[in-house]
Amino acid sequence: MELSEAQRLVDKWIKTTGIRYFNELTNTAILMEEVGEVARIMARQYGEQSFKKSDTEVNLADEMADVLFVLICLANQTNIDLTDALQKNMEKKSIRDADRHKNNEKLK
C-alpha cells in the first residue's frame, strides 16, 4: 500500500466509522500513548524487563500499526502529504549523513 492510499483509507474510515477526527491535540496525546505501548513491548521483548501476566496477549505489529494510524490522522488533519514529506526527509538525511555513519567509530 502506498502512503497516499493509506492516507485516503484512514480518512475514509474516520469520516464513516469514526464519525470525525479527534482534534489535533487529542490525537497528539493518543500518538504518545500508542508509542508508549510500543516502547513497553520493546522493553520486555528485546530489553531487560520481563512480561507481566497481563502482557500475555501483546502484539507488536498491531501496536506499530496503531502508531501509524494516528500519525496518518495527524498528517491528514494538518494537510501533510506523507509521501512528499518522507521523500524530502530521505533527501535531507542522504545529504546530511552521507559520510556521518561511515565515519562513526561506534558503528564499526
N, C-alpha and C. Protein backbone atom coordinates (compact mmCIF):
# COMPACT_ATOMS: atom_id res chain seq x y z
N MET A 1 0.85 -1.18 0.00
CA MET A 1 0.00 0.00 0.00
C MET A 1 0.89 1.24 0.00
N GLU A 2 0.59 2.17 -0.85
CA GLU A 2 1.30 3.44 -0.91
C GLU A 2 0.86 4.32 0.26
N LEU A 3 1.71 5.24 0.67
CA LEU A 3 1.35 6.15 1.76
C LEU A 3 0.11 6.98 1.41
N SER A 4 0.03 7.42 0.16
CA SER A 4 -1.14 8.22 -0.25
C SER A 4 -2.43 7.41 -0.13
N GLU A 5 -2.34 6.13 -0.47
CA GLU A 5 -3.51 5.26 -0.33
C GLU A 5 -3.87 5.07 1.14
N ALA A 6 -2.86 4.92 1.97
CA ALA A 6 -3.10 4.77 3.41
C ALA A 6 -3.77 6.03 3.96
N GLN A 7 -3.32 7.20 3.50
CA GLN A 7 -3.93 8.44 3.97
C GLN A 7 -5.40 8.52 3.54
N ARG A 8 -5.70 8.11 2.33
CA ARG A 8 -7.10 8.11 1.86
C ARG A 8 -7.93 7.10 2.63
N LEU A 9 -7.38 5.91 2.85
CA LEU A 9 -8.09 4.86 3.57
C LEU A 9 -8.43 5.28 5.00
N VAL A 10 -7.46 5.86 5.70
CA VAL A 10 -7.69 6.33 7.06
C VAL A 10 -8.74 7.44 7.06
N ASP A 11 -8.63 8.38 6.12
CA ASP A 11 -9.59 9.48 6.04
C ASP A 11 -11.00 8.96 5.83
N LYS A 12 -11.14 7.99 4.94
CA LYS A 12 -12.46 7.41 4.69
C LYS A 12 -13.00 6.72 5.94
N TRP A 13 -12.15 5.97 6.63
CA TRP A 13 -12.59 5.27 7.85
C TRP A 13 -13.01 6.28 8.91
N ILE A 14 -12.20 7.32 9.09
CA ILE A 14 -12.51 8.33 10.10
C ILE A 14 -13.87 8.98 9.81
N LYS A 15 -14.11 9.32 8.57
CA LYS A 15 -15.33 10.05 8.20
C LYS A 15 -16.57 9.18 8.16
N THR A 16 -16.41 7.87 8.20
CA THR A 16 -17.58 6.98 8.19
C THR A 16 -17.70 6.29 9.55
N THR A 17 -16.80 5.40 9.84
CA THR A 17 -16.86 4.63 11.08
C THR A 17 -16.48 5.48 12.29
N GLY A 18 -15.47 6.30 12.15
CA GLY A 18 -15.01 7.11 13.27
C GLY A 18 -15.80 8.39 13.47
N ILE A 19 -16.69 8.71 12.56
CA ILE A 19 -17.55 9.90 12.54
C ILE A 19 -16.77 11.17 12.21
N ARG A 20 -15.70 11.48 12.97
CA ARG A 20 -14.89 12.66 12.71
C ARG A 20 -13.53 12.47 13.37
N TYR A 21 -12.58 13.31 12.98
CA TYR A 21 -11.26 13.29 13.62
C TYR A 21 -11.36 13.86 15.03
N PHE A 22 -10.59 13.28 15.96
CA PHE A 22 -10.36 13.97 17.23
C PHE A 22 -9.54 15.20 16.89
N ASN A 23 -9.54 16.21 17.76
CA ASN A 23 -8.72 17.38 17.44
C ASN A 23 -7.23 17.02 17.50
N GLU A 24 -6.43 17.90 16.93
CA GLU A 24 -5.00 17.62 16.78
C GLU A 24 -4.30 17.38 18.11
N LEU A 25 -4.67 18.13 19.12
CA LEU A 25 -4.03 17.94 20.43
C LEU A 25 -4.39 16.59 21.02
N THR A 26 -5.64 16.19 20.91
CA THR A 26 -6.06 14.87 21.38
C THR A 26 -5.32 13.78 20.63
N ASN A 27 -5.23 13.91 19.30
CA ASN A 27 -4.52 12.90 18.52
C ASN A 27 -3.03 12.86 18.84
N THR A 28 -2.45 14.01 19.18
CA THR A 28 -1.05 14.01 19.59
C THR A 28 -0.88 13.23 20.90
N ALA A 29 -1.78 13.43 21.83
CA ALA A 29 -1.73 12.68 23.09
C ALA A 29 -1.94 11.18 22.84
N ILE A 30 -2.86 10.84 21.95
CA ILE A 30 -3.09 9.44 21.61
C ILE A 30 -1.85 8.84 20.96
N LEU A 31 -1.18 9.61 20.10
CA LEU A 31 0.04 9.14 19.46
C LEU A 31 1.10 8.81 20.52
N MET A 32 1.25 9.68 21.50
CA MET A 32 2.23 9.44 22.56
C MET A 32 1.88 8.17 23.35
N GLU A 33 0.59 7.98 23.59
CA GLU A 33 0.13 6.79 24.28
C GLU A 33 0.46 5.53 23.48
N GLU A 34 0.21 5.56 22.19
CA GLU A 34 0.49 4.40 21.34
C GLU A 34 1.98 4.13 21.25
N VAL A 35 2.80 5.18 21.14
CA VAL A 35 4.26 5.00 21.11
C VAL A 35 4.71 4.38 22.43
N GLY A 36 4.10 4.79 23.53
CA GLY A 36 4.41 4.20 24.83
C GLY A 36 4.10 2.71 24.88
N GLU A 37 3.03 2.29 24.23
CA GLU A 37 2.69 0.87 24.19
C GLU A 37 3.72 0.09 23.39
N VAL A 38 4.22 0.68 22.30
CA VAL A 38 5.30 0.04 21.53
C VAL A 38 6.55 -0.06 22.40
N ALA A 39 6.87 1.02 23.10
CA ALA A 39 8.05 1.04 23.96
C ALA A 39 7.95 -0.02 25.06
N ARG A 40 6.77 -0.19 25.61
CA ARG A 40 6.56 -1.19 26.67
C ARG A 40 6.87 -2.60 26.14
N ILE A 41 6.35 -2.91 24.97
CA ILE A 41 6.61 -4.23 24.38
C ILE A 41 8.09 -4.39 24.06
N MET A 42 8.70 -3.37 23.46
CA MET A 42 10.12 -3.45 23.11
C MET A 42 10.99 -3.68 24.35
N ALA A 43 10.67 -2.99 25.43
CA ALA A 43 11.45 -3.13 26.67
C ALA A 43 11.35 -4.54 27.23
N ARG A 44 10.21 -5.17 27.01
CA ARG A 44 10.00 -6.52 27.55
C ARG A 44 10.48 -7.61 26.58
N GLN A 45 10.22 -7.41 25.30
CA GLN A 45 10.57 -8.44 24.32
C GLN A 45 12.05 -8.40 23.96
N TYR A 46 12.63 -7.22 23.85
CA TYR A 46 14.02 -7.09 23.42
C TYR A 46 14.94 -6.51 24.50
N GLY A 47 14.34 -5.93 25.52
CA GLY A 47 15.11 -5.34 26.60
C GLY A 47 15.19 -6.27 27.80
N GLU A 48 15.45 -5.68 28.92
CA GLU A 48 15.70 -6.48 30.14
C GLU A 48 14.50 -6.62 31.05
N GLN A 49 13.40 -5.93 30.74
CA GLN A 49 12.22 -6.08 31.56
C GLN A 49 11.51 -7.38 31.22
N SER A 50 10.80 -7.92 32.20
CA SER A 50 10.06 -9.15 31.96
C SER A 50 8.58 -8.82 31.76
N PHE A 51 7.91 -9.71 31.04
CA PHE A 51 6.48 -9.55 30.82
C PHE A 51 5.73 -9.82 32.11
N LYS A 52 4.62 -9.11 32.28
CA LYS A 52 3.70 -9.37 33.39
C LYS A 52 2.63 -10.32 32.88
N LYS A 53 1.90 -10.92 33.79
CA LYS A 53 0.82 -11.83 33.38
C LYS A 53 -0.19 -11.10 32.49
N SER A 54 -0.40 -9.81 32.73
CA SER A 54 -1.36 -9.04 31.93
C SER A 54 -0.83 -8.75 30.53
N ASP A 55 0.45 -9.05 30.26
CA ASP A 55 1.06 -8.79 28.96
C ASP A 55 1.05 -10.00 28.03
N THR A 56 0.28 -11.02 28.35
CA THR A 56 0.36 -12.27 27.58
C THR A 56 -0.13 -12.12 26.14
N GLU A 57 -0.98 -11.16 25.87
CA GLU A 57 -1.57 -11.03 24.53
C GLU A 57 -1.01 -9.84 23.75
N VAL A 58 0.23 -9.44 24.00
CA VAL A 58 0.78 -8.28 23.30
C VAL A 58 1.06 -8.62 21.85
N ASN A 59 0.91 -7.60 20.99
CA ASN A 59 1.13 -7.78 19.56
C ASN A 59 1.86 -6.54 19.04
N LEU A 60 3.16 -6.67 18.87
CA LEU A 60 3.99 -5.54 18.46
C LEU A 60 3.54 -4.96 17.12
N ALA A 61 3.24 -5.81 16.16
CA ALA A 61 2.81 -5.33 14.84
C ALA A 61 1.54 -4.49 14.95
N ASP A 62 0.59 -4.95 15.74
CA ASP A 62 -0.66 -4.22 15.91
C ASP A 62 -0.43 -2.88 16.58
N GLU A 63 0.46 -2.84 17.57
CA GLU A 63 0.76 -1.58 18.25
C GLU A 63 1.47 -0.61 17.31
N MET A 64 2.37 -1.12 16.48
CA MET A 64 3.03 -0.25 15.49
C MET A 64 2.02 0.28 14.49
N ALA A 65 1.06 -0.55 14.11
CA ALA A 65 0.01 -0.10 13.19
C ALA A 65 -0.85 0.99 13.85
N ASP A 66 -1.09 0.88 15.16
CA ASP A 66 -1.81 1.94 15.87
C ASP A 66 -1.06 3.26 15.81
N VAL A 67 0.27 3.21 15.98
CA VAL A 67 1.10 4.42 15.88
C VAL A 67 0.96 5.01 14.48
N LEU A 68 1.08 4.18 13.47
CA LEU A 68 0.98 4.65 12.09
C LEU A 68 -0.38 5.25 11.80
N PHE A 69 -1.43 4.62 12.28
CA PHE A 69 -2.80 5.11 12.07
C PHE A 69 -2.96 6.52 12.63
N VAL A 70 -2.53 6.73 13.86
CA VAL A 70 -2.70 8.05 14.48
C VAL A 70 -1.79 9.08 13.80
N LEU A 71 -0.59 8.68 13.41
CA LEU A 71 0.29 9.59 12.69
C LEU A 71 -0.34 10.01 11.36
N ILE A 72 -0.96 9.07 10.69
CA ILE A 72 -1.66 9.38 9.44
C ILE A 72 -2.83 10.33 9.70
N CYS A 73 -3.55 10.10 10.79
CA CYS A 73 -4.63 11.03 11.15
C CYS A 73 -4.10 12.45 11.29
N LEU A 74 -3.00 12.59 12.02
CA LEU A 74 -2.41 13.92 12.21
C LEU A 74 -1.94 14.52 10.89
N ALA A 75 -1.35 13.72 10.03
CA ALA A 75 -0.93 14.21 8.72
C ALA A 75 -2.14 14.69 7.92
N ASN A 76 -3.21 13.92 7.93
CA ASN A 76 -4.42 14.32 7.22
C ASN A 76 -4.98 15.63 7.77
N GLN A 77 -5.00 15.75 9.08
CA GLN A 77 -5.56 16.94 9.71
C GLN A 77 -4.74 18.20 9.43
N THR A 78 -3.46 18.03 9.24
CA THR A 78 -2.57 19.18 9.05
C THR A 78 -2.15 19.34 7.59
N ASN A 79 -2.85 18.64 6.70
CA ASN A 79 -2.63 18.73 5.25
C ASN A 79 -1.20 18.41 4.85
N ILE A 80 -0.64 17.36 5.44
CA ILE A 80 0.70 16.92 5.09
C ILE A 80 0.60 15.68 4.22
N ASP A 81 1.24 15.74 3.07
CA ASP A 81 1.36 14.61 2.16
C ASP A 81 2.55 13.79 2.66
N LEU A 82 2.29 12.65 3.26
CA LEU A 82 3.37 11.86 3.86
C LEU A 82 4.36 11.32 2.83
N THR A 83 3.91 11.05 1.62
CA THR A 83 4.83 10.61 0.57
C THR A 83 5.85 11.70 0.29
N ASP A 84 5.36 12.90 0.07
CA ASP A 84 6.24 14.04 -0.20
C ASP A 84 7.15 14.31 1.01
N ALA A 85 6.58 14.28 2.20
CA ALA A 85 7.36 14.57 3.41
C ALA A 85 8.47 13.54 3.60
N LEU A 86 8.16 12.27 3.37
CA LEU A 86 9.17 11.23 3.55
C LEU A 86 10.26 11.34 2.48
N GLN A 87 9.87 11.61 1.24
CA GLN A 87 10.86 11.78 0.18
C GLN A 87 11.81 12.93 0.50
N LYS A 88 11.29 14.05 0.93
CA LYS A 88 12.13 15.20 1.29
C LYS A 88 13.01 14.89 2.49
N ASN A 89 12.46 14.16 3.45
CA ASN A 89 13.24 13.79 4.64
C ASN A 89 14.38 12.86 4.29
N MET A 90 14.13 11.91 3.38
CA MET A 90 15.19 10.99 2.95
C MET A 90 16.29 11.73 2.19
N GLU A 91 15.89 12.69 1.37
CA GLU A 91 16.88 13.51 0.66
C GLU A 91 17.74 14.28 1.66
N LYS A 92 17.10 14.88 2.65
CA LYS A 92 17.83 15.63 3.68
C LYS A 92 18.82 14.74 4.41
N LYS A 93 18.36 13.56 4.82
CA LYS A 93 19.23 12.62 5.54
C LYS A 93 20.38 12.15 4.66
N SER A 94 20.09 11.91 3.38
CA SER A 94 21.13 11.42 2.47
C SER A 94 22.24 12.44 2.28
N ILE A 95 21.88 13.71 2.23
CA ILE A 95 22.88 14.77 2.09
C ILE A 95 23.61 14.97 3.42
N ARG A 96 22.86 15.14 4.48
CA ARG A 96 23.43 15.43 5.79
C ARG A 96 24.31 14.30 6.31
N ASP A 97 23.89 13.09 6.09
CA ASP A 97 24.56 11.93 6.69
C ASP A 97 25.36 11.11 5.70
N ALA A 98 25.71 11.70 4.56
CA ALA A 98 26.42 10.97 3.50
C ALA A 98 27.64 10.22 4.04
N ASP A 99 28.41 10.85 4.90
CA ASP A 99 29.61 10.21 5.45
C ASP A 99 29.54 10.03 6.96
N ARG A 100 28.56 10.60 7.57
CA ARG A 100 28.47 10.61 9.04
C ARG A 100 28.54 9.21 9.64
N HIS A 101 27.73 8.29 9.17
CA HIS A 101 27.68 6.95 9.77
C HIS A 101 28.88 6.11 9.35
N LYS A 102 29.38 6.34 8.14
CA LYS A 102 30.58 5.61 7.68
C LYS A 102 31.77 5.95 8.56
N ASN A 103 31.81 7.18 9.06
CA ASN A 103 32.94 7.65 9.86
C ASN A 103 32.71 7.51 11.36
N ASN A 104 31.62 6.90 11.75
CA ASN A 104 31.30 6.75 13.17
C ASN A 104 31.98 5.49 13.72
N GLU A 105 32.98 5.68 14.55
CA GLU A 105 33.72 4.55 15.13
C GLU A 105 32.83 3.64 15.95
N LYS A 106 31.78 4.18 16.52
CA LYS A 106 30.86 3.37 17.33
C LYS A 106 30.09 2.34 16.51
N LEU A 107 30.00 2.56 15.21
CA LEU A 107 29.25 1.66 14.34
C LEU A 107 30.11 0.59 13.68
N LYS A 108 31.41 0.61 13.95
CA LYS A 108 32.31 -0.37 13.31
C LYS A 108 32.46 -1.60 14.16
